[in-house]
PDB file of N, CA and C in Angstrom:
ATOM      1  N   MET A   1      76.974  45.936  -1.917  1.00  0.00           N
ATOM      2  CA  MET A   1      76.798  46.672  -0.878  1.00  0.00           C
ATOM      3  C   MET A   1      76.815  46.023   0.485  1.00  0.00           C
ATOM      4  N   THR A   2      76.885  44.786   0.429  1.00  0.00           N
ATOM      5  CA  THR A   2      77.234  44.018   1.718  1.00  0.00           C
ATOM      6  C   THR A   2      78.623  44.175   1.944  1.00  0.00           C
ATOM      7  N   LEU A   3      79.553  44.225   0.750  1.00  0.00           N
ATOM      8  CA  LEU A   3      80.948  44.398   1.060  1.00  0.00           C
ATOM      9  C   LEU A   3      81.220  45.756   1.327  1.00  0.00           C
ATOM     10  N   ARG A   4      80.705  46.991   0.676  1.00  0.00           N
ATOM     11  CA  ARG A   4      81.003  48.310   1.597  1.00  0.00           C
ATOM     12  C   ARG A   4      80.610  48.222   2.759  1.00  0.00           C
ATOM     13  N   ILE A   5      79.370  47.554   3.237  1.00  0.00           N
ATOM     14  CA  ILE A   5      79.238  48.057   4.778  1.00  0.00           C
ATOM     15  C   ILE A   5      80.203  46.932   5.508  1.00  0.00           C
ATOM     16  N   SER A   6      80.464  45.842   5.127  1.00  0.00           N
ATOM     17  CA  SER A   6      81.649  44.929   5.744  1.00  0.00           C
ATOM     18  C   SER A   6      82.763  45.733   6.056  1.00  0.00           C
ATOM     19  N   LEU A   7      83.351  46.288   4.979  1.00  0.00           N
ATOM     20  CA  LEU A   7      84.486  47.190   5.285  1.00  0.00           C
ATOM     21  C   LEU A   7      84.524  47.913   6.191  1.00  0.00           C
ATOM     22  N   TYR A   8      82.952  48.439   5.917  1.00  0.00           N
ATOM     23  CA  TYR A   8      83.153  49.867   7.147  1.00  0.00           C
ATOM     24  C   TYR A   8      83.011  49.300   8.616  1.00  0.00           C
ATOM     25  N   VAL A   9      82.463  48.157   8.816  1.00  0.00           N
ATOM     26  CA  VAL A   9      82.134  47.622  10.139  1.00  0.00           C
ATOM     27  C   VAL A   9      83.677  47.517  10.354  1.00  0.00           C
ATOM     28  N   ILE A  10      84.516  46.641   9.864  1.00  0.00           N
ATOM     29  CA  ILE A  10      86.100  46.275  10.181  1.00  0.00           C
ATOM     30  C   ILE A  10      86.482  47.677  10.335  1.00  0.00           C
ATOM     31  N   ALA A  11      86.553  48.609   9.641  1.00  0.00           N
ATOM     32  CA  ALA A  11      87.238  49.943  10.001  1.00  0.00           C
ATOM     33  C   ALA A  11      86.880  50.517  11.133  1.00  0.00           C
ATOM     34  N   ALA A  12      85.780  50.423  11.481  1.00  0.00           N
ATOM     35  CA  ALA A  12      84.757  51.007  12.649  1.00  0.00           C
ATOM     36  C   ALA A  12      85.530  50.228  13.980  1.00  0.00           C
ATOM     37  N   TRP A  13      85.734  48.838  13.818  1.00  0.00           N
ATOM     38  CA  TRP A  13      86.208  48.165  14.611  1.00  0.00           C
ATOM     39  C   TRP A  13      87.521  48.135  15.069  1.00  0.00           C
ATOM     40  N   LEU A  14      88.361  48.581  14.162  1.00  0.00           N
ATOM     41  CA  LEU A  14      89.974  48.797  14.253  1.00  0.00           C
ATOM     42  C   LEU A  14      90.160  50.103  15.106  1.00  0.00           C
ATOM     43  N   MET A  15      89.120  51.244  14.514  1.00  0.00           N
ATOM     44  CA  MET A  15      89.251  52.519  15.208  1.00  0.00           C
ATOM     45  C   MET A  15      88.915  51.946  16.791  1.00  0.00           C
ATOM     46  N   GLY A  16      88.120  51.083  16.939  1.00  0.00           N
ATOM     47  CA  GLY A  16      87.666  50.934  18.417  1.00  0.00           C
ATOM     48  C   GLY A  16      88.528  50.369  19.102  1.00  0.00           C
ATOM     49  N   ALA A  17      89.356  49.328  18.491  1.00  0.00           N
ATOM     50  CA  ALA A  17      90.356  48.857  19.087  1.00  0.00           C
ATOM     51  C   ALA A  17      91.713  49.795  19.461  1.00  0.00           C
ATOM     52  N   HIS A  18      91.747  50.948  18.797  1.00  0.00           N
ATOM     53  CA  HIS A  18      92.660  52.001  18.803  1.00  0.00           C
ATOM     54  C   HIS A  18      92.311  52.528  20.336  1.00  0.00           C
ATOM     55  N   PHE A  19      91.071  53.091  20.596  1.00  0.00           N
ATOM     56  CA  PHE A  19      90.389  53.595  21.494  1.00  0.00           C
ATOM     57  C   PHE A  19      90.383  52.725  22.684  1.00  0.00           C
ATOM     58  N   LEU A  20      90.213  51.453  22.599  1.00  0.00           N
ATOM     59  CA  LEU A  20      90.460  50.355  23.776  1.00  0.00           C
ATOM     60  C   LEU A  20      91.561  50.483  24.225  1.00  0.00           C
ATOM     61  N   ARG A  21      93.005  50.267  23.370  1.00  0.00           N
ATOM     62  CA  ARG A  21      94.214  50.503  23.635  1.00  0.00           C
ATOM     63  C   ARG A  21      94.490  52.026  24.546  1.00  0.00           C
ATOM     64  N   GLY A  22      93.768  52.824  24.539  1.00  0.00           N
ATOM     65  CA  GLY A  22      93.941  54.111  25.230  1.00  0.00           C
ATOM     66  C   GLY A  22      92.981  54.236  26.235  1.00  0.00           C
ATOM     67  N   ASN A  23      92.258  52.942  26.398  1.00  0.00           N
ATOM     68  CA  ASN A  23      91.245  53.126  27.661  1.00  0.00           C
ATOM     69  C   ASN A  23      89.988  54.329  27.504  1.00  0.00           C
ATOM     70  N   ASP A  24      89.780  54.444  26.464  1.00  0.00           N
ATOM     71  CA  ASP A  24      88.904  55.507  25.988  1.00  0.00           C
ATOM     72  C   ASP A  24      87.473  54.812  25.971  1.00  0.00           C
ATOM     73  N   TRP A  25      86.503  54.646  26.916  1.00  0.00           N
ATOM     74  CA  TRP A  25      85.592  53.634  26.654  1.00  0.00           C
ATOM     75  C   TRP A  25      84.243  54.301  26.055  1.00  0.00           C
ATOM     76  N   LEU A  26      84.222  55.686  25.875  1.00  0.00           N
ATOM     77  CA  LEU A  26      83.113  56.505  25.202  1.00  0.00           C
ATOM     78  C   LEU A  26      83.428  56.390  23.710  1.00  0.00           C
ATOM     79  N   LEU A  27      84.403  56.572  23.497  1.00  0.00           N
ATOM     80  CA  LEU A  27      84.704  56.533  21.846  1.00  0.00           C
ATOM     81  C   LEU A  27      84.840  55.138  21.559  1.00  0.00           C
ATOM     82  N   LEU A  28      85.410  54.251  22.291  1.00  0.00           N
ATOM     83  CA  LEU A  28      85.139  52.693  22.091  1.00  0.00           C
ATOM     84  C   LEU A  28      83.669  52.334  21.640  1.00  0.00           C
ATOM     85  N   GLY A  29      82.788  52.742  22.609  1.00  0.00           N
ATOM     86  CA  GLY A  29      81.316  52.717  22.257  1.00  0.00           C
ATOM     87  C   GLY A  29      80.709  53.315  21.153  1.00  0.00           C
ATOM     88  N   LEU A  30      81.393  54.252  20.837  1.00  0.00           N
ATOM     89  CA  LEU A  30      80.892  55.014  19.753  1.00  0.00           C
ATOM     90  C   LEU A  30      81.555  54.439  18.345  1.00  0.00           C
ATOM     91  N   CYS A  31      82.842  53.950  18.492  1.00  0.00           N
ATOM     92  CA  CYS A  31      82.911  53.183  17.342  1.00  0.00           C
ATOM     93  C   CYS A  31      82.380  51.824  17.055  1.00  0.00           C
ATOM     94  N   VAL A  32      81.824  51.042  18.098  1.00  0.00           N
ATOM     95  CA  VAL A  32      81.231  49.772  18.268  1.00  0.00           C
ATOM     96  C   VAL A  32      79.793  50.217  17.369  1.00  0.00           C
ATOM     97  N   ALA A  33      79.132  51.188  18.003  1.00  0.00           N
ATOM     98  CA  ALA A  33      77.851  51.341  17.717  1.00  0.00           C
ATOM     99  C   ALA A  33      77.785  52.064  16.394  1.00  0.00           C
ATOM    100  N   ALA A  34      78.376  53.048  15.759  1.00  0.00           N
ATOM    101  CA  ALA A  34      78.617  53.533  14.809  1.00  0.00           C
ATOM    102  C   ALA A  34      77.822  52.610  13.424  1.00  0.00           C
ATOM    103  N   PRO A  35      78.263  51.249  13.337  1.00  0.00           N
ATOM    104  CA  PRO A  35      77.685  50.686  12.104  1.00  0.00           C
ATOM    105  C   PRO A  35      76.041  50.334  12.609  1.00  0.00           C
ATOM    106  N   LEU A  36      75.785  50.751  13.391  1.00  0.00           N
ATOM    107  CA  LEU A  36      74.109  50.385  13.313  1.00  0.00           C
ATOM    108  C   LEU A  36      73.241  51.706  12.811  1.00  0.00           C
ATOM    109  N   LEU A  37      73.856  52.861  12.508  1.00  0.00           N
ATOM    110  CA  LEU A  37      73.384  53.732  11.662  1.00  0.00           C
ATOM    111  C   LEU A  37      73.053  53.258  10.380  1.00  0.00           C
ATOM    112  N   PHE A  38      73.609  52.507   9.993  1.00  0.00           N
ATOM    113  CA  PHE A  38      73.104  51.538   8.428  1.00  0.00           C
ATOM    114  C   PHE A  38      71.944  50.857   8.674  1.00  0.00           C
ATOM    115  N   LEU A  39      71.242  50.933   9.870  1.00  0.00           N
ATOM    116  CA  LEU A  39      69.778  50.483   9.727  1.00  0.00           C
ATOM    117  C   LEU A  39      68.964  51.614   9.628  1.00  0.00           C
ATOM    118  N   TYR A  40      69.424  52.772   9.462  1.00  0.00           N
ATOM    119  CA  TYR A  40      68.554  53.755   9.454  1.00  0.00           C
ATOM    120  C   TYR A  40      68.611  54.258   7.760  1.00  0.00           C
ATOM    121  N   LYS A  41      67.706  54.088   7.166  1.00  0.00           N
ATOM    122  CA  LYS A  41      67.524  54.194   5.688  1.00  0.00           C
ATOM    123  C   LYS A  41      67.404  55.901   5.493  1.00  0.00           C
ATOM    124  N   SER A  42      68.368  56.751   5.970  1.00  0.00           N
ATOM    125  CA  SER A  42      68.209  58.167   5.430  1.00  0.00           C
ATOM    126  C   SER A  42      69.627  58.671   5.175  1.00  0.00           C
ATOM    127  N   ARG A  43      69.794  59.662   4.072  1.00  0.00           N
ATOM    128  CA  ARG A  43      70.998  60.033   3.887  1.00  0.00           C
ATOM    129  C   ARG A  43      72.084  60.669   4.847  1.00  0.00           C
ATOM    130  N   TRP A  44      71.361  61.201   5.779  1.00  0.00           N
ATOM    131  CA  TRP A  44      71.950  61.700   7.112  1.00  0.00           C
ATOM    132  C   TRP A  44      72.880  60.872   7.621  1.00  0.00           C
ATOM    133  N   SER A  45      72.638  59.408   7.794  1.00  0.00           N
ATOM    134  CA  SER A  45      73.094  58.502   8.487  1.00  0.00           C
ATOM    135  C   SER A  45      74.284  58.252   7.722  1.00  0.00           C
ATOM    136  N   LEU A  46      74.158  58.138   6.318  1.00  0.00           N
ATOM    137  CA  LEU A  46      75.378  57.970   5.623  1.00  0.00           C
ATOM    138  C   LEU A  46      76.372  59.050   5.527  1.00  0.00           C
ATOM    139  N   ILE A  47      75.991  60.110   5.680  1.00  0.00           N
ATOM    140  CA  ILE A  47      76.885  61.169   5.720  1.00  0.00           C
ATOM    141  C   ILE A  47      77.748  61.411   6.985  1.00  0.00           C
ATOM    142  N   VAL A  48      76.982  60.610   8.143  1.00  0.00           N
ATOM    143  CA  VAL A  48      77.538  60.517   9.348  1.00  0.00           C
ATOM    144  C   VAL A  48      78.385  59.574   9.388  1.00  0.00           C
ATOM    145  N   LEU A  49      78.278  58.315   8.787  1.00  0.00           N
ATOM    146  CA  LEU A  49      79.290  57.304   8.668  1.00  0.00           C
ATOM    147  C   LEU A  49      80.639  57.815   7.951  1.00  0.00           C
ATOM    148  N   GLN A  50      80.113  58.432   6.795  1.00  0.00           N
ATOM    149  CA  GLN A  50      81.440  58.761   5.998  1.00  0.00           C
ATOM    150  C   GLN A  50      82.280  59.718   6.647  1.00  0.00           C
ATOM    151  N   ALA A  51      81.803  60.818   7.408  1.00  0.00           N
ATOM    152  CA  ALA A  51      82.335  61.456   8.148  1.00  0.00           C
ATOM    153  C   ALA A  51      83.341  61.085   8.900  1.00  0.00           C
ATOM    154  N   ALA A  52      82.783  59.914   9.903  1.00  0.00           N
ATOM    155  CA  ALA A  52      83.303  59.409  10.790  1.00  0.00           C
ATOM    156  C   ALA A  52      84.379  58.740  10.478  1.00  0.00           C
ATOM    157  N   ALA A  53      84.341  58.079   9.283  1.00  0.00           N
ATOM    158  CA  ALA A  53      85.651  57.459   8.535  1.00  0.00           C
ATOM    159  C   ALA A  53      86.735  58.183   8.096  1.00  0.00           C
ATOM    160  N   TYR A  54      86.501  59.281   7.364  1.00  0.00           N
ATOM    161  CA  TYR A  54      87.249  60.331   7.465  1.00  0.00           C
ATOM    162  C   TYR A  54      88.095  61.027   8.780  1.00  0.00           C
ATOM    163  N   LEU A  55      87.476  61.437   9.738  1.00  0.00           N
ATOM    164  CA  LEU A  55      88.001  61.541  10.863  1.00  0.00           C
ATOM    165  C   LEU A  55      88.705  60.531  11.344  1.00  0.00           C
ATOM    166  N   ALA A  56      88.542  59.214  11.201  1.00  0.00           N
ATOM    167  CA  ALA A  56      89.243  58.147  11.851  1.00  0.00           C
ATOM    168  C   ALA A  56      90.349  58.145  11.195  1.00  0.00           C
ATOM    169  N   SER A  57      90.472  58.093   9.798  1.00  0.00           N
ATOM    170  CA  SER A  57      91.583  58.251   8.921  1.00  0.00           C
ATOM    171  C   SER A  57      92.782  59.331   9.336  1.00  0.00           C
ATOM    172  N   ALA A  58      92.367  60.378   9.703  1.00  0.00           N
ATOM    173  CA  ALA A  58      93.254  61.346  10.033  1.00  0.00           C
ATOM    174  C   ALA A  58      93.549  61.279  11.539  1.00  0.00           C
ATOM    175  N   ILE A  59      92.918  60.445  12.289  1.00  0.00           N
ATOM    176  CA  ILE A  59      93.178  60.050  13.739  1.00  0.00           C
ATOM    177  C   ILE A  59      94.554  59.016  13.394  1.00  0.00           C
ATOM    178  N   TRP A  60      94.167  58.080  12.438  1.00  0.00           N
ATOM    179  CA  TRP A  60      95.419  57.043  12.247  1.00  0.00           C
ATOM    180  C   TRP A  60      96.416  57.829  11.759  1.00  0.00           C
ATOM    181  N   LEU A  61      96.353  58.731  11.026  1.00  0.00           N
ATOM    182  CA  LEU A  61      97.622  59.582  10.284  1.00  0.00           C
ATOM    183  C   LEU A  61      98.268  60.386  11.514  1.00  0.00           C
ATOM    184  N   ALA A  62      97.722  60.663  12.454  1.00  0.00           N
ATOM    185  CA  ALA A  62      98.197  61.706  13.455  1.00  0.00           C
ATOM    186  C   ALA A  62      98.865  60.495  14.532  1.00  0.00           C
ATOM    187  N   THR A  63      98.531  59.314  14.545  1.00  0.00           N
ATOM    188  CA  THR A  63      98.885  58.378  15.325  1.00  0.00           C
ATOM    189  C   THR A  63     100.373  57.936  14.719  1.00  0.00           C
ATOM    190  N   ALA A  64     100.271  57.687  13.293  1.00  0.00           N
ATOM    191  CA  ALA A  64     101.643  57.342  12.669  1.00  0.00           C
ATOM    192  C   ALA A  64     102.253  58.448  12.940  1.00  0.00           C
ATOM    193  N   LEU A  65     102.185  59.781  12.813  1.00  0.00           N
ATOM    194  CA  LEU A  65     103.333  61.100  12.955  1.00  0.00           C
ATOM    195  C   LEU A  65     103.416  60.706  14.477  1.00  0.00           C
ATOM    196  N   GLU A  66     102.953  60.667  15.704  1.00  0.00           N
ATOM    197  CA  GLU A  66     103.061  60.263  16.826  1.00  0.00           C
ATOM    198  C   GLU A  66     104.329  59.176  17.161  1.00  0.00           C
ATOM    199  N   LEU A  67     103.856  58.228  16.407  1.00  0.00           N
ATOM    200  CA  LEU A  67     104.870  56.983  16.251  1.00  0.00           C
ATOM    201  C   LEU A  67     106.167  57.271  15.871  1.00  0.00           C
ATOM    202  N   LEU A  68     105.948  57.791  14.771  1.00  0.00           N
ATOM    203  CA  LEU A  68     107.233  58.279  14.041  1.00  0.00           C
ATOM    204  C   LEU A  68     108.175  59.172  14.770  1.00  0.00           C
ATOM    205  N   GLN A  69     107.646  60.181  15.365  1.00  0.00           N
ATOM    206  CA  GLN A  69     108.567  61.096  16.134  1.00  0.00           C
ATOM    207  C   GLN A  69     109.069  60.277  17.344  1.00  0.00           C
ATOM    208  N   PHE A  70     108.348  59.860  18.169  1.00  0.00           N
ATOM    209  CA  PHE A  70     108.586  59.058  19.379  1.00  0.00           C
ATOM    210  C   PHE A  70     109.842  57.930  19.074  1.00  0.00           C
ATOM    211  N   ARG A  71     109.430  57.076  17.875  1.00  0.00           N
ATOM    212  CA  ARG A  71     110.402  55.994  17.751  1.00  0.00           C
ATOM    213  C   ARG A  71     111.979  56.922  17.220  1.00  0.00           C
ATOM    214  N   GLN A  72     111.749  57.950  16.568  1.00  0.00           N
ATOM    215  CA  GLN A  72     112.979  58.798  16.095  1.00  0.00           C
ATOM    216  C   GLN A  72     113.897  58.861  17.261  1.00  0.00           C
ATOM    217  N   GLN A  73     113.185  59.655  18.089  1.00  0.00           N
ATOM    218  CA  GLN A  73     113.780  60.197  19.516  1.00  0.00           C
ATOM    219  C   GLN A  73     114.216  59.236  20.199  1.00  0.00           C
ATOM    220  N   LEU A  74     113.947  58.043  20.149  1.00  0.00           N
ATOM    221  CA  LEU A  74     114.491  56.909  20.747  1.00  0.00           C
ATOM    222  C   LEU A  74     115.462  56.138  19.917  1.00  0.00           C
ATOM    223  N   GLY A  75     115.565  56.717  18.680  1.00  0.00           N
ATOM    224  CA  GLY A  75     116.813  55.782  17.891  1.00  0.00           C
ATOM    225  C   GLY A  75     116.315  54.417  17.512  1.00  0.00           C
ATOM    226  N   ARG A  76     114.917  53.962  17.601  1.00  0.00           N
ATOM    227  CA  ARG A  76     114.534  52.827  17.322  1.00  0.00           C
ATOM    228  C   ARG A  76     113.883  52.575  15.992  1.00  0.00           C
ATOM    229  N   PRO A  77     113.888  51.538  15.423  1.00  0.00           N
ATOM    230  CA  PRO A  77     113.094  51.554  14.013  1.00  0.00           C
ATOM    231  C   PRO A  77     111.627  51.646  13.864  1.00  0.00           C
ATOM    232  N   TRP A  78     111.009  52.811  12.916  1.00  0.00           N
ATOM    233  CA  TRP A  78     109.925  53.270  12.883  1.00  0.00           C
ATOM    234  C   TRP A  78     109.162  52.753  11.676  1.00  0.00           C
ATOM    235  N   ALA A  79     109.828  52.364  10.405  1.00  0.00           N
ATOM    236  CA  ALA A  79     109.188  52.205   9.164  1.00  0.00           C
ATOM    237  C   ALA A  79     108.012  51.297   9.072  1.00  0.00           C
ATOM    238  N   LEU A  80     108.309  50.015   9.979  1.00  0.00           N
ATOM    239  CA  LEU A  80     107.016  48.954   9.647  1.00  0.00           C
ATOM    240  C   LEU A  80     105.913  49.679  10.518  1.00  0.00           C
ATOM    241  N   GLY A  81     105.768  50.127  11.735  1.00  0.00           N
ATOM    242  CA  GLY A  81     104.808  50.906  12.659  1.00  0.00           C
ATOM    243  C   GLY A  81     104.083  51.674  11.739  1.00  0.00           C
ATOM    244  N   VAL A  82     104.849  52.772  11.233  1.00  0.00           N
ATOM    245  CA  VAL A  82     104.282  53.899  10.586  1.00  0.00           C
ATOM    246  C   VAL A  82     103.459  53.288   9.197  1.00  0.00           C
ATOM    247  N   THR A  83     104.317  52.337   8.252  1.00  0.00           N
ATOM    248  CA  THR A  83     103.467  51.611   7.386  1.00  0.00           C
ATOM    249  C   THR A  83     102.199  51.216   7.601  1.00  0.00           C
ATOM    250  N   ILE A  84     102.334  50.272   8.612  1.00  0.00           N
ATOM    251  CA  ILE A  84     100.858  49.503   9.095  1.00  0.00           C
ATOM    252  C   ILE A  84     100.059  50.469   9.255  1.00  0.00           C
ATOM    253  N   LEU A  85     100.301  51.730  10.148  1.00  0.00           N
ATOM    254  CA  LEU A  85      99.275  52.653  10.235  1.00  0.00           C
ATOM    255  C   LEU A  85      98.986  53.069   9.104  1.00  0.00           C
ATOM    256  N   ALA A  86      99.882  53.631   8.231  1.00  0.00           N
ATOM    257  CA  ALA A  86      99.200  54.361   6.983  1.00  0.00           C
ATOM    258  C   ALA A  86      98.435  53.419   6.369  1.00  0.00           C
ATOM    259  N   VAL A  87      98.532  52.154   6.146  1.00  0.00           N
ATOM    260  CA  VAL A  87      97.844  51.298   5.480  1.00  0.00           C
ATOM    261  C   VAL A  87      96.292  51.118   6.015  1.00  0.00           C
ATOM    262  N   VAL A  88      96.024  51.265   7.357  1.00  0.00           N
ATOM    263  CA  VAL A  88      95.193  51.148   8.133  1.00  0.00           C
ATOM    264  C   VAL A  88      94.192  52.754   8.010  1.00  0.00           C
ATOM    265  N   ALA A  89      94.768  53.481   8.145  1.00  0.00           N
ATOM    266  CA  ALA A  89      94.583  55.082   7.346  1.00  0.00           C
ATOM    267  C   ALA A  89      93.742  54.958   5.614  1.00  0.00           C
ATOM    268  N   LEU A  90      94.392  54.176   5.151  1.00  0.00           N
ATOM    269  CA  LEU A  90      93.947  54.291   3.627  1.00  0.00           C
ATOM    270  C   LEU A  90      92.955  53.264   3.693  1.00  0.00           C
ATOM    271  N   PHE A  91      92.806  52.277   4.413  1.00  0.00           N
ATOM    272  CA  PHE A  91      91.669  51.301   4.320  1.00  0.00           C
ATOM    273  C   PHE A  91      90.488  52.057   4.942  1.00  0.00           C
ATOM    274  N   THR A  92      90.668  52.661   5.965  1.00  0.00           N
ATOM    275  CA  THR A  92      89.654  53.623   6.776  1.00  0.00           C
ATOM    276  C   THR A  92      89.223  54.437   5.545  1.00  0.00           C
ATOM    277  N   LEU A  93      90.073  55.268   4.933  1.00  0.00           N
ATOM    278  CA  LEU A  93      89.404  56.325   4.169  1.00  0.00           C
ATOM    279  C   LEU A  93      88.884  55.673   2.677  1.00  0.00           C
ATOM    280  N   LEU A  94      89.357  54.207   2.378  1.00  0.00           N
ATOM    281  CA  LEU A  94      88.479  53.478   1.230  1.00  0.00           C
ATOM    282  C   LEU A  94      87.094  53.289   1.704  1.00  0.00           C
ATOM    283  N   ALA A  95      86.950  52.939   3.038  1.00  0.00           N
ATOM    284  CA  ALA A  95      85.740  52.291   3.444  1.00  0.00           C
ATOM    285  C   ALA A  95      84.805  53.447   3.540  1.00  0.00           C
ATOM    286  N   GLY A  96      85.275  54.699   3.949  1.00  0.00           N
ATOM    287  CA  GLY A  96      84.606  55.741   3.567  1.00  0.00           C
ATOM    288  C   GLY A  96      84.243  56.264   2.381  1.00  0.00           C
ATOM    289  N   ALA A  97      85.144  56.183   1.674  1.00  0.00           N
ATOM    290  CA  ALA A  97      84.546  56.491   0.188  1.00  0.00           C
ATOM    291  C   ALA A  97      83.661  55.717  -0.577  1.00  0.00           C
ATOM    292  N   LEU A  98      83.729  54.577  -0.084  1.00  0.00           N
ATOM    293  CA  LEU A  98      82.851  53.505  -1.188  1.00  0.00           C
ATOM    294  C   LEU A  98      81.575  53.684  -0.458  1.00  0.00           C
ATOM    295  N   LEU A  99      81.196  54.285   0.597  1.00  0.00           N
ATOM    296  CA  LEU A  99      79.882  54.508   1.057  1.00  0.00           C
ATOM    297  C   LEU A  99      79.403  55.519   0.088  1.00  0.00           C
ATOM    298  N   ASN A 100      80.061  56.338  -0.834  1.00  0.00           N
ATOM    299  CA  ASN A 100      79.613  57.308  -1.652  1.00  0.00           C
ATOM    300  C   ASN A 100      79.075  56.704  -3.056  1.00  0.00           C
ATOM    301  N   ALA A 101      79.242  55.234  -2.921  1.00  0.00           N
ATOM    302  CA  ALA A 101      78.578  54.863  -4.523  1.00  0.00           C
ATOM    303  C   ALA A 101      77.300  54.781  -4.786  1.00  0.00           C
ATOM    304  N   ARG A 102      77.006  54.928  -6.036  1.00  0.00           N
ATOM    305  CA  ARG A 102      75.175  55.122  -6.580  1.00  0.00           C
ATOM    306  C   ARG A 102      74.494  54.253  -5.715  1.00  0.00           C
ATOM    307  N   CYS A 103      74.847  52.798  -5.456  1.00  0.00           N
ATOM    308  CA  CYS A 103      74.082  51.757  -4.711  1.00  0.00           C
ATOM    309  C   CYS A 103      73.784  52.298  -3.650  1.00  0.00           C
ATOM    310  N   MET A 104      74.654  52.815  -2.882  1.00  0.00           N
ATOM    311  CA  MET A 104      74.509  53.257  -1.392  1.00  0.00           C
ATOM    312  C   MET A 104      73.607  54.418  -1.483  1.00  0.00           C
ATOM    313  N   ARG A 105      73.975  55.654  -2.451  1.00  0.00           N
ATOM    314  CA  ARG A 105      72.983  56.705  -2.230  1.00  0.00           C
ATOM    315  C   ARG A 105      71.555  56.378  -2.643  1.00  0.00           C
ATOM    316  N   GLU A 106      71.173  55.401  -3.182  1.00  0.00           N
ATOM    317  CA  GLU A 106      70.039  54.996  -4.026  1.00  0.00           C
ATOM    318  C   GLU A 106      69.241  54.662  -2.901  1.00  0.00           C
ATOM    319  N   ARG A 107      70.123  53.795  -1.680  1.00  0.00           N
ATOM    320  CA  ARG A 107      69.221  52.840  -0.822  1.00  0.00           C
ATOM    321  C   ARG A 107      69.080  54.040   0.397  1.00  0.00           C
ATOM    322  N   TYR A 108      70.134  54.951   0.305  1.00  0.00           N
ATOM    323  CA  TYR A 108      70.023  55.855   1.793  1.00  0.00           C
ATOM    324  C   TYR A 108      69.647  57.176   0.981  1.00  0.00           C
ATOM    325  N   ARG A 109      68.235  57.237   0.628  1.00  0.00           N
ATOM    326  CA  ARG A 109      67.845  58.963   0.310  1.00  0.00           C
ATOM    327  C   ARG A 109      67.421  59.276   1.333  1.00  0.00           C
ATOM    328  N   PHE A 110      67.215  60.670   0.990  1.00  0.00           N
ATOM    329  CA  PHE A 110      66.711  61.724   2.104  1.00  0.00           C
ATOM    330  C   PHE A 110      65.228  61.365   2.423  1.00  0.00           C
TER     331      PHE A 110
END
C-alpha cells in the first residue's frame, strides 16, 4: 500500500511541476496538497484522488498533442518529447488505477 501511495505522490508532484512551469499557482497548490487526502480514511477521498489522476493523465496527453503540433509546424524533432509526456501520462494513469486495489478499498471504506 505504501508503494501505491508513493507512486501517486510522485505523479501529483509531476503534475504540480507542470503547473509551476505555466505559473498556475492555484493548480500547483492543489497538486501538492492532493496527497493529503490519503489522511482521510473514507472512500470519497480515494475516489477524488483517482479522478484527479485520470484528469492529470488527460492533461499530459493534451500537452503531448500540443507539443506534437507545435514542433511539427516548426519542422523540429518531436518524437522524444511526445514519448516522454506519453510515458508520464501512463505513469499517472497507473498511479490512479493502483488506488483501486483491494487493499486500498479495505482501508478506505465508506
